[in-house]
Amino acid sequence: MFSVTVREHLMIAHSFQGEVFGPAQRLHGATYLVDASFRRAELDADNLVVDIGLATAELGSVVSEFNYRNLDELPEFAGTNTSTEFLAKVIADRLADRVHAGALGEGARGLSGVSVTLHESHIAWASYERDL
C-alpha cells in the first residue's frame, strides 16, 4: 500500500460538556498539526498516489473553514463535543467529499482511503481513517 501525507495547522477555540472534561468545560484554545494521508494499492499513470499540490490545497481549504474560529458558535456543531477525535473525522469526511467531487484530480479517483491525524501536542494525538 502506498501513501502520501500532507500537513497543515489549525487553531480553534471550543468548550466541552460533561464532567469527564474537567476544566476543559470552559472555553479554551487548541492548536493542532493536521496530517492527511492518502492511500492506494497501485500508483496512478504518473506513478503518484495523489497530486501533492492539490492535496495540500484541499487540506488547507478544509482546515480554513475552522481556523481561528470558536467551534461553539458554529451551528453545525451545536451541542457537540468537538473533541480531537471528532474533528479528525470531520476533516477526513470533508476531504473524502472533495476526492469524490474530483477536486484532487482524476488520478485521485483511484485512492482507496484517507486518514487524518490531529496532533494536540508532542505527546498526544488522535486519528480517523476511512475508505474512499
N, C-alpha and C. Protein backbone atom coordinates (compact mmCIF):
# COMPACT_ATOMS: atom_id res chain seq x y z
N MET A 1 0.86 -1.18 0.00
CA MET A 1 0.00 0.00 0.00
C MET A 1 0.90 1.24 0.00
N PHE A 2 0.61 2.17 -0.89
CA PHE A 2 1.33 3.43 -0.98
C PHE A 2 0.56 4.50 -0.22
N SER A 3 1.28 5.50 0.28
CA SER A 3 0.59 6.63 0.92
C SER A 3 1.42 7.90 0.73
N VAL A 4 0.71 9.01 0.75
CA VAL A 4 1.30 10.35 0.74
C VAL A 4 0.60 11.13 1.83
N THR A 5 1.39 11.86 2.61
CA THR A 5 0.84 12.67 3.70
C THR A 5 1.18 14.13 3.47
N VAL A 6 0.19 14.99 3.68
CA VAL A 6 0.39 16.44 3.63
C VAL A 6 0.00 17.01 4.99
N ARG A 7 0.51 18.19 5.30
CA ARG A 7 0.33 18.76 6.64
C ARG A 7 -0.16 20.19 6.58
N GLU A 8 -0.95 20.54 7.58
CA GLU A 8 -1.47 21.90 7.77
C GLU A 8 -1.53 22.14 9.28
N HIS A 9 -1.92 23.32 9.69
CA HIS A 9 -2.13 23.57 11.12
C HIS A 9 -3.49 24.24 11.30
N LEU A 10 -3.99 24.16 12.52
CA LEU A 10 -5.34 24.62 12.83
C LEU A 10 -5.37 25.19 14.24
N MET A 11 -5.95 26.37 14.38
CA MET A 11 -6.11 26.99 15.70
C MET A 11 -7.60 27.25 15.92
N ILE A 12 -8.14 26.70 17.01
CA ILE A 12 -9.57 26.85 17.28
C ILE A 12 -9.78 27.19 18.75
N ALA A 13 -11.00 27.59 19.06
CA ALA A 13 -11.47 27.70 20.45
C ALA A 13 -12.70 26.83 20.55
N HIS A 14 -12.92 26.28 21.73
CA HIS A 14 -14.12 25.47 21.98
C HIS A 14 -14.22 25.16 23.46
N SER A 15 -15.34 24.59 23.85
CA SER A 15 -15.54 24.11 25.22
C SER A 15 -16.24 22.77 25.13
N PHE A 16 -16.23 22.05 26.22
CA PHE A 16 -16.84 20.73 26.26
C PHE A 16 -17.93 20.66 27.31
N GLN A 17 -18.86 19.74 27.11
CA GLN A 17 -19.93 19.49 28.06
C GLN A 17 -19.68 18.14 28.71
N GLY A 18 -19.74 18.10 30.03
CA GLY A 18 -19.58 16.84 30.75
C GLY A 18 -18.45 16.88 31.75
N GLU A 19 -18.70 16.30 32.89
CA GLU A 19 -17.71 16.29 33.98
C GLU A 19 -16.39 15.65 33.58
N VAL A 20 -16.42 14.69 32.66
CA VAL A 20 -15.21 14.00 32.25
C VAL A 20 -14.16 14.97 31.69
N PHE A 21 -14.61 16.13 31.23
CA PHE A 21 -13.69 17.09 30.63
C PHE A 21 -13.07 18.07 31.63
N GLY A 22 -13.49 18.01 32.88
CA GLY A 22 -12.88 18.86 33.91
C GLY A 22 -12.81 20.31 33.49
N PRO A 23 -11.62 20.94 33.63
CA PRO A 23 -11.50 22.36 33.30
C PRO A 23 -11.71 22.68 31.82
N ALA A 24 -11.65 21.68 30.94
CA ALA A 24 -11.87 21.93 29.51
C ALA A 24 -13.34 22.20 29.21
N GLN A 25 -14.19 22.15 30.23
CA GLN A 25 -15.59 22.55 30.04
C GLN A 25 -15.67 24.06 29.78
N ARG A 26 -14.65 24.78 30.26
CA ARG A 26 -14.59 26.22 30.00
C ARG A 26 -14.01 26.45 28.60
N LEU A 27 -14.32 27.59 28.03
CA LEU A 27 -13.78 27.96 26.73
C LEU A 27 -12.26 27.95 26.79
N HIS A 28 -11.64 27.30 25.82
CA HIS A 28 -10.18 27.23 25.76
C HIS A 28 -9.76 27.10 24.30
N GLY A 29 -8.50 27.30 24.05
CA GLY A 29 -7.97 27.20 22.70
C GLY A 29 -7.23 25.91 22.48
N ALA A 30 -7.10 25.53 21.23
CA ALA A 30 -6.31 24.36 20.85
C ALA A 30 -5.61 24.66 19.53
N THR A 31 -4.38 24.23 19.44
CA THR A 31 -3.61 24.35 18.21
C THR A 31 -3.20 22.95 17.79
N TYR A 32 -3.51 22.59 16.56
CA TYR A 32 -3.24 21.25 16.06
C TYR A 32 -2.32 21.31 14.84
N LEU A 33 -1.46 20.31 14.72
CA LEU A 33 -0.86 19.97 13.45
C LEU A 33 -1.81 18.96 12.83
N VAL A 34 -2.14 19.14 11.57
CA VAL A 34 -3.10 18.26 10.91
C VAL A 34 -2.39 17.53 9.77
N ASP A 35 -2.33 16.20 9.87
CA ASP A 35 -1.76 15.37 8.82
C ASP A 35 -2.88 14.63 8.10
N ALA A 36 -2.90 14.72 6.79
CA ALA A 36 -3.85 13.96 5.98
C ALA A 36 -3.06 13.01 5.11
N SER A 37 -3.33 11.72 5.26
CA SER A 37 -2.64 10.68 4.48
C SER A 37 -3.62 10.05 3.50
N PHE A 38 -3.18 9.97 2.27
CA PHE A 38 -3.97 9.38 1.20
C PHE A 38 -3.31 8.07 0.80
N ARG A 39 -4.11 7.00 0.58
CA ARG A 39 -3.51 5.71 0.28
C ARG A 39 -4.16 5.05 -0.94
N ARG A 40 -3.36 4.20 -1.55
CA ARG A 40 -3.83 3.40 -2.68
C ARG A 40 -2.89 2.22 -2.87
N ALA A 41 -3.42 1.15 -3.45
CA ALA A 41 -2.64 -0.08 -3.64
C ALA A 41 -1.64 0.06 -4.79
N GLU A 42 -2.04 0.76 -5.85
CA GLU A 42 -1.18 0.91 -7.03
C GLU A 42 -1.07 2.39 -7.38
N LEU A 43 0.09 2.79 -7.87
CA LEU A 43 0.29 4.17 -8.28
C LEU A 43 -0.53 4.47 -9.54
N ASP A 44 -0.83 5.76 -9.74
CA ASP A 44 -1.60 6.14 -10.94
C ASP A 44 -0.69 6.13 -12.17
N ALA A 45 -1.20 6.56 -13.29
CA ALA A 45 -0.46 6.53 -14.56
C ALA A 45 0.80 7.39 -14.51
N ASP A 46 0.86 8.36 -13.60
CA ASP A 46 2.04 9.22 -13.45
C ASP A 46 2.95 8.75 -12.31
N ASN A 47 2.67 7.56 -11.78
CA ASN A 47 3.41 7.00 -10.64
C ASN A 47 3.26 7.84 -9.38
N LEU A 48 2.06 8.34 -9.17
CA LEU A 48 1.74 9.12 -7.99
C LEU A 48 0.65 8.45 -7.18
N VAL A 49 0.65 8.74 -5.87
CA VAL A 49 -0.50 8.39 -5.03
C VAL A 49 -1.58 9.44 -5.26
N VAL A 50 -1.18 10.70 -5.13
CA VAL A 50 -2.07 11.84 -5.33
C VAL A 50 -1.19 13.05 -5.64
N ASP A 51 -1.73 14.01 -6.33
CA ASP A 51 -1.01 15.25 -6.60
C ASP A 51 -0.83 15.98 -5.26
N ILE A 52 0.41 16.11 -4.83
CA ILE A 52 0.69 16.70 -3.52
C ILE A 52 0.21 18.14 -3.44
N GLY A 53 0.36 18.88 -4.54
CA GLY A 53 -0.10 20.27 -4.55
C GLY A 53 -1.60 20.38 -4.35
N LEU A 54 -2.36 19.54 -5.06
CA LEU A 54 -3.81 19.56 -4.89
C LEU A 54 -4.22 19.07 -3.51
N ALA A 55 -3.56 18.03 -3.01
CA ALA A 55 -3.88 17.51 -1.68
C ALA A 55 -3.61 18.56 -0.61
N THR A 56 -2.50 19.27 -0.74
CA THR A 56 -2.15 20.32 0.22
C THR A 56 -3.17 21.46 0.16
N ALA A 57 -3.54 21.85 -1.05
CA ALA A 57 -4.51 22.94 -1.21
C ALA A 57 -5.88 22.56 -0.64
N GLU A 58 -6.33 21.34 -0.90
CA GLU A 58 -7.64 20.92 -0.41
C GLU A 58 -7.65 20.76 1.10
N LEU A 59 -6.57 20.23 1.68
CA LEU A 59 -6.49 20.16 3.14
C LEU A 59 -6.53 21.58 3.71
N GLY A 60 -5.77 22.49 3.12
CA GLY A 60 -5.78 23.88 3.59
C GLY A 60 -7.16 24.50 3.51
N SER A 61 -7.88 24.21 2.45
CA SER A 61 -9.22 24.75 2.29
C SER A 61 -10.18 24.20 3.35
N VAL A 62 -10.11 22.90 3.60
CA VAL A 62 -10.96 22.31 4.63
C VAL A 62 -10.63 22.89 6.00
N VAL A 63 -9.37 22.95 6.33
CA VAL A 63 -8.95 23.47 7.64
C VAL A 63 -9.33 24.93 7.80
N SER A 64 -9.28 25.70 6.72
CA SER A 64 -9.60 27.13 6.82
C SER A 64 -11.04 27.38 7.25
N GLU A 65 -11.92 26.39 7.04
CA GLU A 65 -13.31 26.54 7.46
C GLU A 65 -13.43 26.68 8.98
N PHE A 66 -12.43 26.18 9.71
CA PHE A 66 -12.47 26.17 11.18
C PHE A 66 -11.38 27.02 11.83
N ASN A 67 -10.36 27.38 11.06
CA ASN A 67 -9.20 28.06 11.62
C ASN A 67 -9.59 29.41 12.22
N TYR A 68 -9.08 29.67 13.42
CA TYR A 68 -9.35 30.90 14.16
C TYR A 68 -10.84 31.10 14.43
N ARG A 69 -11.56 30.00 14.63
CA ARG A 69 -12.99 30.07 14.91
C ARG A 69 -13.26 29.48 16.28
N ASN A 70 -14.32 29.96 16.91
CA ASN A 70 -14.85 29.33 18.11
C ASN A 70 -15.87 28.30 17.63
N LEU A 71 -15.54 27.04 17.74
CA LEU A 71 -16.41 25.98 17.22
C LEU A 71 -17.75 25.94 17.92
N ASP A 72 -17.81 26.45 19.16
CA ASP A 72 -19.08 26.50 19.89
C ASP A 72 -20.10 27.41 19.18
N GLU A 73 -19.63 28.33 18.36
CA GLU A 73 -20.51 29.28 17.69
C GLU A 73 -20.98 28.80 16.32
N LEU A 74 -20.47 27.66 15.86
CA LEU A 74 -20.88 27.16 14.54
C LEU A 74 -22.13 26.30 14.68
N PRO A 75 -23.20 26.65 13.96
CA PRO A 75 -24.46 25.90 14.08
C PRO A 75 -24.31 24.40 13.82
N GLU A 76 -23.42 24.02 12.92
CA GLU A 76 -23.26 22.59 12.60
C GLU A 76 -22.71 21.78 13.77
N PHE A 77 -22.11 22.45 14.77
CA PHE A 77 -21.55 21.75 15.92
C PHE A 77 -22.31 22.05 17.21
N ALA A 78 -23.47 22.65 17.10
CA ALA A 78 -24.26 23.00 18.29
C ALA A 78 -24.50 21.76 19.16
N GLY A 79 -24.16 21.86 20.43
CA GLY A 79 -24.39 20.78 21.37
C GLY A 79 -23.45 19.59 21.20
N THR A 80 -22.39 19.74 20.40
CA THR A 80 -21.46 18.65 20.12
C THR A 80 -20.13 18.92 20.80
N ASN A 81 -19.58 17.89 21.44
CA ASN A 81 -18.22 17.99 21.96
C ASN A 81 -17.26 17.81 20.79
N THR A 82 -16.62 18.89 20.40
CA THR A 82 -15.72 18.88 19.25
C THR A 82 -14.33 18.40 19.68
N SER A 83 -14.29 17.15 20.12
CA SER A 83 -13.04 16.55 20.57
C SER A 83 -12.07 16.41 19.40
N THR A 84 -10.83 16.13 19.72
CA THR A 84 -9.83 15.92 18.68
C THR A 84 -10.24 14.78 17.76
N GLU A 85 -10.75 13.71 18.35
CA GLU A 85 -11.20 12.56 17.56
C GLU A 85 -12.33 12.96 16.60
N PHE A 86 -13.29 13.71 17.12
CA PHE A 86 -14.42 14.16 16.32
C PHE A 86 -13.95 15.03 15.16
N LEU A 87 -13.04 15.96 15.43
CA LEU A 87 -12.55 16.86 14.38
C LEU A 87 -11.76 16.11 13.32
N ALA A 88 -11.02 15.07 13.72
CA ALA A 88 -10.29 14.26 12.74
C ALA A 88 -11.27 13.64 11.75
N LYS A 89 -12.40 13.15 12.25
CA LYS A 89 -13.41 12.55 11.38
C LYS A 89 -14.04 13.60 10.47
N VAL A 90 -14.37 14.75 11.00
CA VAL A 90 -14.97 15.82 10.19
C VAL A 90 -14.04 16.18 9.03
N ILE A 91 -12.77 16.35 9.31
CA ILE A 91 -11.81 16.74 8.27
C ILE A 91 -11.66 15.61 7.25
N ALA A 92 -11.55 14.36 7.72
CA ALA A 92 -11.42 13.22 6.80
C ALA A 92 -12.65 13.11 5.90
N ASP A 93 -13.83 13.27 6.46
CA ASP A 93 -15.05 13.17 5.66
C ASP A 93 -15.11 14.28 4.61
N ARG A 94 -14.69 15.47 4.97
CA ARG A 94 -14.73 16.58 4.01
C ARG A 94 -13.69 16.38 2.91
N LEU A 95 -12.54 15.82 3.26
CA LEU A 95 -11.55 15.50 2.23
C LEU A 95 -12.09 14.41 1.30
N ALA A 96 -12.75 13.43 1.86
CA ALA A 96 -13.34 12.36 1.05
C ALA A 96 -14.36 12.94 0.07
N ASP A 97 -15.16 13.87 0.53
CA ASP A 97 -16.13 14.52 -0.36
C ASP A 97 -15.41 15.21 -1.51
N ARG A 98 -14.28 15.83 -1.23
CA ARG A 98 -13.54 16.55 -2.27
C ARG A 98 -12.88 15.59 -3.26
N VAL A 99 -12.42 14.44 -2.74
CA VAL A 99 -11.89 13.42 -3.65
C VAL A 99 -12.99 12.97 -4.60
N HIS A 100 -14.15 12.65 -4.06
CA HIS A 100 -15.27 12.18 -4.89
C HIS A 100 -15.75 13.24 -5.88
N ALA A 101 -15.60 14.50 -5.52
CA ALA A 101 -16.02 15.59 -6.40
C ALA A 101 -14.98 15.90 -7.48
N GLY A 102 -13.80 15.26 -7.40
CA GLY A 102 -12.76 15.47 -8.39
C GLY A 102 -11.80 16.60 -8.09
N ALA A 103 -11.88 17.20 -6.91
CA ALA A 103 -11.04 18.35 -6.58
C ALA A 103 -9.56 18.00 -6.45
N LEU A 104 -9.24 16.73 -6.25
CA LEU A 104 -7.84 16.31 -6.16
C LEU A 104 -7.35 15.71 -7.47
N GLY A 105 -8.09 15.90 -8.53
CA GLY A 105 -7.70 15.44 -9.86
C GLY A 105 -8.25 14.06 -10.18
N GLU A 106 -8.24 13.76 -11.46
CA GLU A 106 -8.76 12.47 -11.92
C GLU A 106 -7.98 11.30 -11.35
N GLY A 107 -6.66 11.45 -11.22
CA GLY A 107 -5.84 10.37 -10.68
C GLY A 107 -6.23 9.98 -9.26
N ALA A 108 -6.80 10.92 -8.53
CA ALA A 108 -7.19 10.65 -7.14
C ALA A 108 -8.41 9.74 -7.05
N ARG A 109 -9.09 9.52 -8.15
CA ARG A 109 -10.25 8.63 -8.12
C ARG A 109 -9.84 7.19 -7.80
N GLY A 110 -8.56 6.87 -7.94
CA GLY A 110 -8.05 5.54 -7.60
C GLY A 110 -7.63 5.39 -6.16
N LEU A 111 -7.78 6.45 -5.36
CA LEU A 111 -7.43 6.35 -3.94
C LEU A 111 -8.36 5.37 -3.23
N SER A 112 -7.82 4.65 -2.28
CA SER A 112 -8.63 3.68 -1.53
C SER A 112 -9.00 4.17 -0.14
N GLY A 113 -8.28 5.18 0.36
CA GLY A 113 -8.59 5.65 1.70
C GLY A 113 -7.87 6.93 2.06
N VAL A 114 -8.34 7.52 3.14
CA VAL A 114 -7.73 8.73 3.69
C VAL A 114 -7.76 8.62 5.21
N SER A 115 -6.70 9.10 5.83
CA SER A 115 -6.71 9.18 7.29
C SER A 115 -6.24 10.58 7.68
N VAL A 116 -6.79 11.06 8.77
CA VAL A 116 -6.44 12.38 9.29
C VAL A 116 -6.01 12.23 10.73
N THR A 117 -4.86 12.83 11.04
CA THR A 117 -4.35 12.83 12.40
C THR A 117 -4.22 14.27 12.87
N LEU A 118 -4.80 14.56 14.04
CA LEU A 118 -4.65 15.86 14.67
C LEU A 118 -3.72 15.69 15.86
N HIS A 119 -2.59 16.39 15.81
CA HIS A 119 -1.60 16.36 16.88
C HIS A 119 -1.91 17.51 17.83
N GLU A 120 -2.34 17.17 19.04
CA GLU A 120 -2.61 18.20 20.06
C GLU A 120 -1.32 18.73 20.66
N SER A 121 -0.34 17.86 20.76
CA SER A 121 0.95 18.22 21.34
C SER A 121 1.95 17.18 20.88
N HIS A 122 3.17 17.27 21.40
CA HIS A 122 4.19 16.28 21.05
C HIS A 122 3.97 14.94 21.74
N ILE A 123 2.97 14.88 22.64
CA ILE A 123 2.73 13.61 23.35
C ILE A 123 1.31 13.07 23.17
N ALA A 124 0.44 13.79 22.44
CA ALA A 124 -0.94 13.30 22.30
C ALA A 124 -1.50 13.69 20.92
N TRP A 125 -2.16 12.71 20.28
CA TRP A 125 -2.82 12.94 19.00
C TRP A 125 -3.92 11.93 18.81
N ALA A 126 -4.79 12.22 17.85
CA ALA A 126 -5.91 11.32 17.54
C ALA A 126 -6.06 11.25 16.03
N SER A 127 -6.54 10.10 15.55
CA SER A 127 -6.67 9.88 14.11
C SER A 127 -8.03 9.30 13.78
N TYR A 128 -8.42 9.49 12.53
CA TYR A 128 -9.59 8.84 11.96
C TYR A 128 -9.21 8.38 10.56
N GLU A 129 -9.53 7.14 10.25
CA GLU A 129 -9.21 6.57 8.95
C GLU A 129 -10.48 6.05 8.31
N ARG A 130 -10.62 6.31 7.00
CA ARG A 130 -11.82 5.86 6.30
C ARG A 130 -11.48 5.42 4.89
N ASP A 131 -12.32 4.54 4.38
CA ASP A 131 -12.19 4.11 2.99
C ASP A 131 -12.83 5.14 2.08
N LEU A 132 -12.41 5.12 0.84
CA LEU A 132 -12.98 6.01 -0.18
C LEU A 132 -13.76 5.21 -1.19
